[in-house]
Amino acid sequence: MRRIAALGASFAIAFGLAVPAAEGAGTGCTTPVVNVSGVSQAEGTSAGYTTLLFTVSLADGGCAPQGSVEYRTIEGNGSPVDPAFVAKESVDYLPRAGTLTWAGRADTQTVAVKVRADSFVENDELFSLRLYGEKGVRIGHSVGVAWVADDDKAKTVPLATTQEGEICWSLPPNFAQATSCKVPLVLSRPWLAGPLTIRYRTEGSAHEPVKDGVVTFERGETRGYAELTVLPGQTGKARVEFFEPSQGRLVYATSTVVISPAG
């Protein structure tokens, strides 16, 4: 039995699969992947600040996670966006930086950022939380976009944005729970007059190209995902292009996603 276990471990290493690193982790595990989600919230109309929460989640890969990431707020979304829609650090929001740590549990964590409330009529504006400096984990969605929705005049349609710098980690055969890559798209405000749709297409390698995909936001939603099927064990890039929103407009409409095998 010991010889069989040793052979199994050798097979896992030869095919790029991780050997269990935590007691009770099952037949194997991959390095945990950390993702930060986008969020939309009204800025508030009175003096003071409104608190906005970013959600940072961890897919633990079958093992008890042990690791950390650094985070910091950035203006815009990490891509070249029209400055008219960019929230300014220390003017529109207070900067945040720090470290998130996991020690054996894949708990979701939050990062609170204070947004300045005012009564000025202005555009919906965006800033982001960027993850970097990973230790013991890998980063998937590295940038979470925050839309600060102006609530000082009536607005009928939302703005939408995606961002560059996403990574999709494909999974080896013994972790077949997920074979899709999800590329986030964030609205500046909920659309309340029924479903809102934005079409997308992809090109590139390591995935099955999508010719006519649709992201659908149901009433009240502000976050959606374009999905593409990852080809197991392959490394490459997928360029995702969003177009033809049924309402509103796109502020940034392309995302180049790195696809890499898990390990």
C-alpha atoms as a PDB file:
ATOM      1  CA  MET A   1       0.000   0.000   0.000  1.00  0.00           C
ATOM      2  CA  ARG A   2       2.878   2.366   0.817  1.00  0.00           C
ATOM      3  CA  ARG A   3       4.422   1.624  -2.606  1.00  0.00           C
ATOM      4  CA  ILE A   4       1.114   2.425  -4.340  1.00  0.00           C
ATOM      5  CA  ALA A   5       0.894   5.746  -2.501  1.00  0.00           C
ATOM      6  CA  ALA A   6       4.441   6.616  -3.536  1.00  0.00           C
ATOM      7  CA  LEU A   7       3.682   5.801  -7.165  1.00  0.00           C
ATOM      8  CA  GLY A   8       0.555   7.970  -6.975  1.00  0.00           C
ATOM      9  CA  ALA A   9       2.579  10.902  -5.667  1.00  0.00           C
ATOM     10  CA  SER A  10       5.149  10.471  -8.467  1.00  0.00           C
ATOM     11  CA  PHE A  11       2.333  10.448 -11.046  1.00  0.00           C
ATOM     12  CA  ALA A  12       0.889  13.656  -9.592  1.00  0.00           C
ATOM     13  CA  ILE A  13       4.229  15.440  -9.762  1.00  0.00           C
ATOM     14  CA  ALA A  14       4.905  14.238 -13.327  1.00  0.00           C
ATOM     15  CA  PHE A  15       1.601  15.701 -14.541  1.00  0.00           C
ATOM     16  CA  GLY A  16       1.854  18.985 -12.632  1.00  0.00           C
ATOM     17  CA  LEU A  17      -0.643  18.108  -9.913  1.00  0.00           C
ATOM     18  CA  ALA A  18       0.007  19.175  -6.352  1.00  0.00           C
ATOM     19  CA  VAL A  19       0.534  16.529  -3.688  1.00  0.00           C
ATOM     20  CA  PRO A  20      -1.629  17.046  -0.564  1.00  0.00           C
ATOM     21  CA  ALA A  21      -0.019  19.585   1.724  1.00  0.00           C
ATOM     22  CA  ALA A  22      -2.608  19.643   4.480  1.00  0.00           C
ATOM     23  CA  GLU A  23      -3.948  16.906   6.695  1.00  0.00           C
ATOM     24  CA  GLY A  24      -7.416  15.815   5.589  1.00  0.00           C
ATOM     25  CA  ALA A  25      -7.102  17.594   2.246  1.00  0.00           C
ATOM     26  CA  GLY A  26      -8.271  14.582   0.216  1.00  0.00           C
ATOM     27  CA  THR A  27      -6.456  13.168  -2.802  1.00  0.00           C
ATOM     28  CA  GLY A  28      -4.580  16.343  -3.714  1.00  0.00           C
ATOM     29  CA  CYS A  29      -4.799  20.095  -3.933  1.00  0.00           C
ATOM     30  CA  THR A  30      -3.885  23.087  -6.021  1.00  0.00           C
ATOM     31  CA  THR A  31      -2.531  26.425  -4.831  1.00  0.00           C
ATOM     32  CA  PRO A  32      -5.439  28.536  -3.503  1.00  0.00           C
ATOM     33  CA  VAL A  33      -6.629  31.362  -5.797  1.00  0.00           C
ATOM     34  CA  VAL A  34      -7.648  34.784  -4.467  1.00  0.00           C
ATOM     35  CA  ASN A  35     -10.232  36.972  -6.250  1.00  0.00           C
ATOM     36  CA  VAL A  36     -11.443  40.484  -5.520  1.00  0.00           C
ATOM     37  CA  SER A  37     -14.959  41.484  -6.603  1.00  0.00           C
ATOM     38  CA  GLY A  38     -16.231  44.770  -7.955  1.00  0.00           C
ATOM     39  CA  VAL A  39     -18.914  46.818  -6.219  1.00  0.00           C
ATOM     40  CA  SER A  40     -21.246  49.745  -6.927  1.00  0.00           C
ATOM     41  CA  GLN A  41     -22.663  52.156  -4.372  1.00  0.00           C
ATOM     42  CA  ALA A  42     -24.121  55.649  -4.199  1.00  0.00           C
ATOM     43  CA  GLU A  43     -21.726  58.210  -2.756  1.00  0.00           C
ATOM     44  CA  GLY A  44     -24.244  59.831  -0.388  1.00  0.00           C
ATOM     45  CA  THR A  45     -25.520  63.391  -0.372  1.00  0.00           C
ATOM     46  CA  SER A  46     -24.756  64.661   3.125  1.00  0.00           C
ATOM     47  CA  ALA A  47     -21.439  65.692   4.659  1.00  0.00           C
ATOM     48  CA  GLY A  48     -19.028  62.980   5.789  1.00  0.00           C
ATOM     49  CA  TYR A  49     -18.272  59.601   4.264  1.00  0.00           C
ATOM     50  CA  THR A  50     -20.022  56.516   2.925  1.00  0.00           C
ATOM     51  CA  THR A  51     -18.315  53.163   3.549  1.00  0.00           C
ATOM     52  CA  LEU A  52     -17.829  50.920   0.520  1.00  0.00           C
ATOM     53  CA  LEU A  53     -16.883  47.239   0.966  1.00  0.00           C
ATOM     54  CA  PHE A  54     -14.724  45.185  -1.408  1.00  0.00           C
ATOM     55  CA  THR A  55     -15.108  41.407  -1.098  1.00  0.00           C
ATOM     56  CA  VAL A  56     -11.980  39.220  -1.364  1.00  0.00           C
ATOM     57  CA  SER A  57     -12.683  35.498  -1.669  1.00  0.00           C
ATOM     58  CA  LEU A  58     -10.447  32.434  -1.728  1.00  0.00           C
ATOM     59  CA  ALA A  59     -10.893  29.194  -3.664  1.00  0.00           C
ATOM     60  CA  ASP A  60      -8.871  26.867  -1.432  1.00  0.00           C
ATOM     61  CA  GLY A  61      -7.998  24.214  -4.055  1.00  0.00           C
ATOM     62  CA  GLY A  62      -8.795  21.348  -1.691  1.00  0.00           C
ATOM     63  CA  CYS A  63      -6.216  22.258   0.975  1.00  0.00           C
ATOM     64  CA  ALA A  64      -6.341  24.337   4.127  1.00  0.00           C
ATOM     65  CA  PRO A  65      -5.004  27.677   2.816  1.00  0.00           C
ATOM     66  CA  GLN A  66      -1.896  29.279   4.272  1.00  0.00           C
ATOM     67  CA  GLY A  67      -0.977  32.565   2.631  1.00  0.00           C
ATOM     68  CA  SER A  68      -1.490  36.282   2.151  1.00  0.00           C
ATOM     69  CA  VAL A  69      -1.880  39.085  -0.389  1.00  0.00           C
ATOM     70  CA  GLU A  70      -1.156  42.798  -0.285  1.00  0.00           C
ATOM     71  CA  TYR A  71      -3.799  45.302  -1.391  1.00  0.00           C
ATOM     72  CA  ARG A  72      -4.040  48.989  -2.201  1.00  0.00           C
ATOM     73  CA  THR A  73      -6.564  51.331  -3.758  1.00  0.00           C
ATOM     74  CA  ILE A  74      -5.828  52.830  -7.197  1.00  0.00           C
ATOM     75  CA  GLU A  75      -7.505  55.509  -9.275  1.00  0.00           C
ATOM     76  CA  GLY A  76      -9.531  54.238 -12.230  1.00  0.00           C
ATOM     77  CA  ASN A  77      -9.512  50.522 -13.027  1.00  0.00           C
ATOM     78  CA  GLY A  78      -5.897  49.872 -13.984  1.00  0.00           C
ATOM     79  CA  SER A  79      -6.673  50.515 -17.668  1.00  0.00           C
ATOM     80  CA  PRO A  80      -6.738  53.682 -19.805  1.00  0.00           C
ATOM     81  CA  VAL A  81     -10.152  55.129 -18.921  1.00  0.00           C
ATOM     82  CA  ASP A  82     -11.604  58.550 -19.744  1.00  0.00           C
ATOM     83  CA  PRO A  83     -10.469  60.804 -16.826  1.00  0.00           C
ATOM     84  CA  ALA A  84     -14.014  62.191 -16.547  1.00  0.00           C
ATOM     85  CA  PHE A  85     -15.063  58.892 -14.954  1.00  0.00           C
ATOM     86  CA  VAL A  86     -12.085  58.438 -12.588  1.00  0.00           C
ATOM     87  CA  ALA A  87     -12.492  58.988  -8.838  1.00  0.00           C
ATOM     88  CA  LYS A  88      -9.572  60.899  -7.305  1.00  0.00           C
ATOM     89  CA  GLU A  89      -7.633  59.611  -4.316  1.00  0.00           C
ATOM     90  CA  SER A  90      -7.981  61.742  -1.152  1.00  0.00           C
ATOM     91  CA  VAL A  91     -10.638  63.829  -2.921  1.00  0.00           C
ATOM     92  CA  ASP A  92     -13.382  61.341  -3.768  1.00  0.00           C
ATOM     93  CA  TYR A  93     -12.198  58.485  -1.530  1.00  0.00           C
ATOM     94  CA  LEU A  94      -9.610  57.831   1.186  1.00  0.00           C
ATOM     95  CA  PRO A  95      -6.742  55.525   0.123  1.00  0.00           C
ATOM     96  CA  ARG A  96      -6.335  52.112   1.764  1.00  0.00           C
ATOM     97  CA  ALA A  97      -3.455  49.629   1.797  1.00  0.00           C
ATOM     98  CA  GLY A  98      -2.686  46.543   3.824  1.00  0.00           C
ATOM     99  CA  THR A  99      -2.419  42.759   3.991  1.00  0.00           C
ATOM    100  CA  LEU A 100      -5.022  39.997   3.989  1.00  0.00           C
ATOM    101  CA  THR A 101      -3.997  36.670   5.550  1.00  0.00           C
ATOM    102  CA  TRP A 102      -5.487  33.160   5.523  1.00  0.00           C
ATOM    103  CA  ALA A 103      -4.397  30.570   8.098  1.00  0.00           C
ATOM    104  CA  GLY A 104      -6.153  27.269   7.504  1.00  0.00           C
ATOM    105  CA  ARG A 105      -9.622  28.517   6.520  1.00  0.00           C
ATOM    106  CA  ALA A 106     -10.882  29.885   3.208  1.00  0.00           C
ATOM    107  CA  ASP A 107     -12.940  32.659   4.791  1.00  0.00           C
ATOM    108  CA  THR A 108     -14.124  35.560   2.636  1.00  0.00           C
ATOM    109  CA  GLN A 109     -12.660  38.878   3.769  1.00  0.00           C
ATOM    110  CA  THR A 110     -13.656  42.493   3.178  1.00  0.00           C
ATOM    111  CA  VAL A 111     -11.775  45.761   2.747  1.00  0.00           C
ATOM    112  CA  ALA A 112     -13.636  48.926   3.765  1.00  0.00           C
ATOM    113  CA  VAL A 113     -12.946  52.171   1.887  1.00  0.00           C
ATOM    114  CA  LYS A 114     -14.458  55.529   2.800  1.00  0.00           C
ATOM    115  CA  VAL A 115     -16.040  57.509  -0.056  1.00  0.00           C
ATOM    116  CA  ARG A 116     -16.619  61.234   0.384  1.00  0.00           C
ATOM    117  CA  ALA A 117     -20.288  62.227   0.303  1.00  0.00           C
ATOM    118  CA  ASP A 118     -21.244  65.494  -1.387  1.00  0.00           C
ATOM    119  CA  SER A 119     -24.087  67.353  -3.075  1.00  0.00           C
ATOM    120  CA  PHE A 120     -22.309  68.146  -6.357  1.00  0.00           C
ATOM    121  CA  VAL A 121     -23.774  66.982  -9.652  1.00  0.00           C
ATOM    122  CA  GLU A 122     -21.060  64.890 -11.346  1.00  0.00           C
ATOM    123  CA  ASN A 123     -20.406  61.721 -13.320  1.00  0.00           C
ATOM    124  CA  ASP A 124     -20.479  58.252 -11.866  1.00  0.00           C
ATOM    125  CA  GLU A 125     -16.789  57.667 -11.047  1.00  0.00           C
ATOM    126  CA  LEU A 126     -14.640  54.614 -10.503  1.00  0.00           C
ATOM    127  CA  PHE A 127     -11.624  53.517  -8.511  1.00  0.00           C
ATOM    128  CA  SER A 128     -10.329  50.029  -7.694  1.00  0.00           C
ATOM    129  CA  LEU A 129      -8.746  47.736  -5.165  1.00  0.00           C
ATOM    130  CA  ARG A 130      -5.662  45.974  -6.570  1.00  0.00           C
ATOM    131  CA  LEU A 131      -4.204  42.732  -5.175  1.00  0.00           C
ATOM    132  CA  TYR A 132      -0.467  42.016  -5.443  1.00  0.00           C
ATOM    133  CA  GLY A 133       2.458  40.536  -3.496  1.00  0.00           C
ATOM    134  CA  GLU A 134       0.923  37.092  -3.087  1.00  0.00           C
ATOM    135  CA  LYS A 135       2.547  34.548  -0.742  1.00  0.00           C
ATOM    136  CA  GLY A 136       1.333  30.938  -0.606  1.00  0.00           C
ATOM    137  CA  VAL A 137      -1.657  31.778  -2.845  1.00  0.00           C
ATOM    138  CA  ARG A 138      -2.213  32.871  -6.437  1.00  0.00           C
ATOM    139  CA  ILE A 139      -4.168  35.895  -7.644  1.00  0.00           C
ATOM    140  CA  GLY A 140      -6.986  35.408 -10.163  1.00  0.00           C
ATOM    141  CA  HIS A 141      -9.109  38.581 -10.356  1.00  0.00           C
ATOM    142  CA  SER A 142      -6.455  41.084  -9.371  1.00  0.00           C
ATOM    143  CA  VAL A 143      -8.501  44.288  -9.688  1.00  0.00           C
ATOM    144  CA  GLY A 144     -11.924  44.913  -8.155  1.00  0.00           C
ATOM    145  CA  VAL A 145     -13.647  47.924  -9.706  1.00  0.00           C
ATOM    146  CA  ALA A 146     -15.735  50.222  -7.492  1.00  0.00           C
ATOM    147  CA  TRP A 147     -18.275  52.516  -9.095  1.00  0.00           C
ATOM    148  CA  VAL A 148     -19.173  55.540  -6.970  1.00  0.00           C
ATOM    149  CA  ALA A 149     -22.631  56.399  -8.289  1.00  0.00           C
ATOM    150  CA  ASP A 150     -23.593  60.060  -8.188  1.00  0.00           C
ATOM    151  CA  ASP A 151     -26.958  60.489  -6.472  1.00  0.00           C
ATOM    152  CA  ASP A 152     -27.337  64.259  -6.788  1.00  0.00           C
ATOM    153  CA  LYS A 153     -29.408  64.251  -9.953  1.00  0.00           C
ATOM    154  CA  ALA A 154     -31.736  61.776 -11.647  1.00  0.00           C
ATOM    155  CA  LYS A 155     -29.931  59.242 -13.820  1.00  0.00           C
ATOM    156  CA  THR A 156     -31.691  56.718 -15.994  1.00  0.00           C
ATOM    157  CA  VAL A 157     -28.913  54.544 -17.451  1.00  0.00           C
ATOM    158  CA  PRO A 158     -25.721  52.970 -16.021  1.00  0.00           C
ATOM    159  CA  LEU A 159     -22.139  52.938 -17.199  1.00  0.00           C
ATOM    160  CA  ALA A 160     -20.281  49.618 -17.523  1.00  0.00           C
ATOM    161  CA  THR A 161     -16.610  48.672 -17.286  1.00  0.00           C
ATOM    162  CA  THR A 162     -14.279  45.697 -17.203  1.00  0.00           C
ATOM    163  CA  GLN A 163     -10.492  45.750 -16.605  1.00  0.00           C
ATOM    164  CA  GLU A 164      -7.227  44.225 -17.764  1.00  0.00           C
ATOM    165  CA  GLY A 165      -4.990  41.906 -15.761  1.00  0.00           C
ATOM    166  CA  GLU A 166      -7.233  38.916 -15.077  1.00  0.00           C
ATOM    167  CA  ILE A 167      -5.821  35.389 -14.696  1.00  0.00           C
ATOM    168  CA  CYS A 168      -7.846  32.201 -15.066  1.00  0.00           C
ATOM    169  CA  TRP A 169      -6.236  29.119 -13.573  1.00  0.00           C
ATOM    170  CA  SER A 170      -7.441  25.992 -15.370  1.00  0.00           C
ATOM    171  CA  LEU A 171      -7.869  22.914 -13.200  1.00  0.00           C
ATOM    172  CA  PRO A 172      -6.324  19.447 -13.615  1.00  0.00           C
ATOM    173  CA  PRO A 173      -8.658  16.462 -14.224  1.00  0.00           C
ATOM    174  CA  ASN A 174      -8.981  15.483 -10.546  1.00  0.00           C
ATOM    175  CA  PHE A 175     -10.402  18.941  -9.786  1.00  0.00           C
ATOM    176  CA  ALA A 176     -13.045  19.094 -12.496  1.00  0.00           C
ATOM    177  CA  GLN A 177     -15.517  21.221 -10.510  1.00  0.00           C
ATOM    178  CA  ALA A 178     -14.802  24.254 -12.686  1.00  0.00           C
ATOM    179  CA  THR A 179     -13.716  24.448 -16.318  1.00  0.00           C
ATOM    180  CA  SER A 180     -14.883  27.975 -17.089  1.00  0.00           C
ATOM    181  CA  CYS A 181     -13.165  31.336 -16.898  1.00  0.00           C
ATOM    182  CA  LYS A 182     -15.306  34.222 -15.660  1.00  0.00           C
ATOM    183  CA  VAL A 183     -14.414  37.766 -16.714  1.00  0.00           C
ATOM    184  CA  PRO A 184     -16.154  40.427 -14.582  1.00  0.00           C
ATOM    185  CA  LEU A 185     -18.218  43.334 -15.867  1.00  0.00           C
ATOM    186  CA  VAL A 186     -19.473  45.997 -13.428  1.00  0.00           C
ATOM    187  CA  LEU A 187     -22.334  48.497 -13.770  1.00  0.00           C
ATOM    188  CA  SER A 188     -22.168  51.895 -12.102  1.00  0.00           C
ATOM    189  CA  ARG A 189     -25.744  51.599 -10.840  1.00  0.00           C
ATOM    190  CA  PRO A 190     -28.552  49.032 -10.870  1.00  0.00           C
ATOM    191  CA  TRP A 191     -30.812  49.073 -13.923  1.00  0.00           C
ATOM    192  CA  LEU A 192     -34.355  48.844 -12.590  1.00  0.00           C
ATOM    193  CA  ALA A 193     -36.421  48.649 -15.797  1.00  0.00           C
ATOM    194  CA  GLY A 194     -35.924  44.947 -16.488  1.00  0.00           C
ATOM    195  CA  PRO A 195     -32.932  42.891 -17.722  1.00  0.00           C
ATOM    196  CA  LEU A 196     -29.924  44.696 -19.195  1.00  0.00           C
ATOM    197  CA  THR A 197     -27.747  42.796 -21.678  1.00  0.00           C
ATOM    198  CA  ILE A 198     -24.205  43.326 -22.967  1.00  0.00           C
ATOM    199  CA  ARG A 199     -22.832  41.118 -25.731  1.00  0.00           C
ATOM    200  CA  TYR A 200     -19.280  39.768 -25.885  1.00  0.00           C
ATOM    201  CA  ARG A 201     -16.936  37.770 -28.102  1.00  0.00           C
ATOM    202  CA  THR A 202     -13.485  36.275 -27.562  1.00  0.00           C
ATOM    203  CA  GLU A 203     -10.381  35.409 -29.532  1.00  0.00           C
ATOM    204  CA  GLY A 204      -6.994  33.926 -28.643  1.00  0.00           C
ATOM    205  CA  SER A 205      -5.784  30.572 -27.320  1.00  0.00           C
ATOM    206  CA  ALA A 206      -6.280  28.023 -24.500  1.00  0.00           C
ATOM    207  CA  HIS A 207     -10.075  28.386 -24.578  1.00  0.00           C
ATOM    208  CA  GLU A 208     -13.086  27.687 -26.771  1.00  0.00           C
ATOM    209  CA  PRO A 209     -13.773  30.979 -28.608  1.00  0.00           C
ATOM    210  CA  VAL A 210     -17.126  32.667 -28.012  1.00  0.00           C
ATOM    211  CA  LYS A 211     -18.696  34.342 -31.050  1.00  0.00           C
ATOM    212  CA  ASP A 212     -21.884  35.768 -29.602  1.00  0.00           C
ATOM    213  CA  GLY A 213     -22.039  35.592 -25.817  1.00  0.00           C
ATOM    214  CA  VAL A 214     -24.364  37.639 -23.630  1.00  0.00           C
ATOM    215  CA  VAL A 215     -23.969  38.965 -20.083  1.00  0.00           C
ATOM    216  CA  THR A 216     -27.397  39.524 -18.556  1.00  0.00           C
ATOM    217  CA  PHE A 217     -27.974  41.779 -15.550  1.00  0.00           C
ATOM    218  CA  GLU A 218     -31.292  41.073 -13.902  1.00  0.00           C
ATOM    219  CA  ARG A 219     -33.236  43.885 -12.262  1.00  0.00           C
ATOM    220  CA  GLY A 220     -31.165  45.469  -9.486  1.00  0.00           C
ATOM    221  CA  GLU A 221     -27.865  43.705 -10.250  1.00  0.00           C
ATOM    222  CA  THR A 222     -24.554  45.531 -10.771  1.00  0.00           C
ATOM    223  CA  ARG A 223     -22.086  42.687 -11.392  1.00  0.00           C
ATOM    224  CA  GLY A 224     -22.013  40.075 -14.140  1.00  0.00           C
ATOM    225  CA  TYR A 225     -19.542  37.756 -15.847  1.00  0.00           C
ATOM    226  CA  ALA A 226     -18.609  36.751 -19.378  1.00  0.00           C
ATOM    227  CA  GLU A 227     -17.863  33.017 -19.343  1.00  0.00           C
ATOM    228  CA  LEU A 228     -15.545  31.017 -21.578  1.00  0.00           C
ATOM    229  CA  THR A 229     -14.527  27.371 -21.452  1.00  0.00           C
ATOM    230  CA  VAL A 230     -10.863  26.739 -20.608  1.00  0.00           C
ATOM    231  CA  LEU A 231      -8.956  23.976 -22.406  1.00  0.00           C
ATOM    232  CA  PRO A 232      -7.359  21.817 -19.661  1.00  0.00           C
ATOM    233  CA  GLY A 233      -3.588  21.918 -19.318  1.00  0.00           C
ATOM    234  CA  GLN A 234      -3.061  24.707 -21.866  1.00  0.00           C
ATOM    235  CA  THR A 235      -1.465  28.110 -21.384  1.00  0.00           C
ATOM    236  CA  GLY A 236      -2.479  31.117 -23.449  1.00  0.00           C
ATOM    237  CA  LYS A 237      -4.471  34.337 -23.611  1.00  0.00           C
ATOM    238  CA  ALA A 238      -8.066  35.223 -24.363  1.00  0.00           C
ATOM    239  CA  ARG A 239      -9.108  38.697 -25.474  1.00  0.00           C
ATOM    240  CA  VAL A 240     -12.678  39.454 -24.421  1.00  0.00           C
ATOM    241  CA  GLU A 241     -14.516  42.283 -26.168  1.00  0.00           C
ATOM    242  CA  PHE A 242     -17.805  43.646 -24.814  1.00  0.00           C
ATOM    243  CA  PHE A 243     -20.189  45.512 -27.127  1.00  0.00           C
ATOM    244  CA  GLU A 244     -23.797  46.595 -27.754  1.00  0.00           C
ATOM    245  CA  PRO A 245     -25.187  47.256 -24.269  1.00  0.00           C
ATOM    246  CA  SER A 246     -28.980  47.294 -24.384  1.00  0.00           C
ATOM    247  CA  GLN A 247     -28.894  50.351 -22.087  1.00  0.00           C
ATOM    248  CA  GLY A 248     -26.180  52.766 -20.980  1.00  0.00           C
ATOM    249  CA  ARG A 249     -22.633  52.833 -22.346  1.00  0.00           C
ATOM    250  CA  LEU A 250     -19.305  51.050 -21.990  1.00  0.00           C
ATOM    251  CA  VAL A 251     -16.475  53.043 -20.402  1.00  0.00           C
ATOM    252  CA  TYR A 252     -13.868  50.304 -20.905  1.00  0.00           C
ATOM    253  CA  ALA A 253     -14.819  47.333 -23.057  1.00  0.00           C
ATOM    254  CA  THR A 254     -11.913  44.865 -23.453  1.00  0.00           C
ATOM    255  CA  SER A 255     -10.037  42.492 -21.165  1.00  0.00           C
ATOM    256  CA  THR A 256      -7.051  40.311 -22.019  1.00  0.00           C
ATOM    257  CA  VAL A 257      -7.118  37.261 -19.752  1.00  0.00           C
ATOM    258  CA  VAL A 258      -4.104  35.036 -19.072  1.00  0.00           C
ATOM    259  CA  ILE A 259      -5.027  31.328 -18.926  1.00  0.00           C
ATOM    260  CA  SER A 260      -2.641  29.033 -17.071  1.00  0.00           C
ATOM    261  CA  PRO A 261      -2.773  25.427 -15.786  1.00  0.00           C
ATOM    262  CA  ALA A 262      -3.234  24.935 -12.085  1.00  0.00           C
ATOM    263  CA  GLY A 263      -0.334  23.697 -10.018  1.00  0.00           C
END
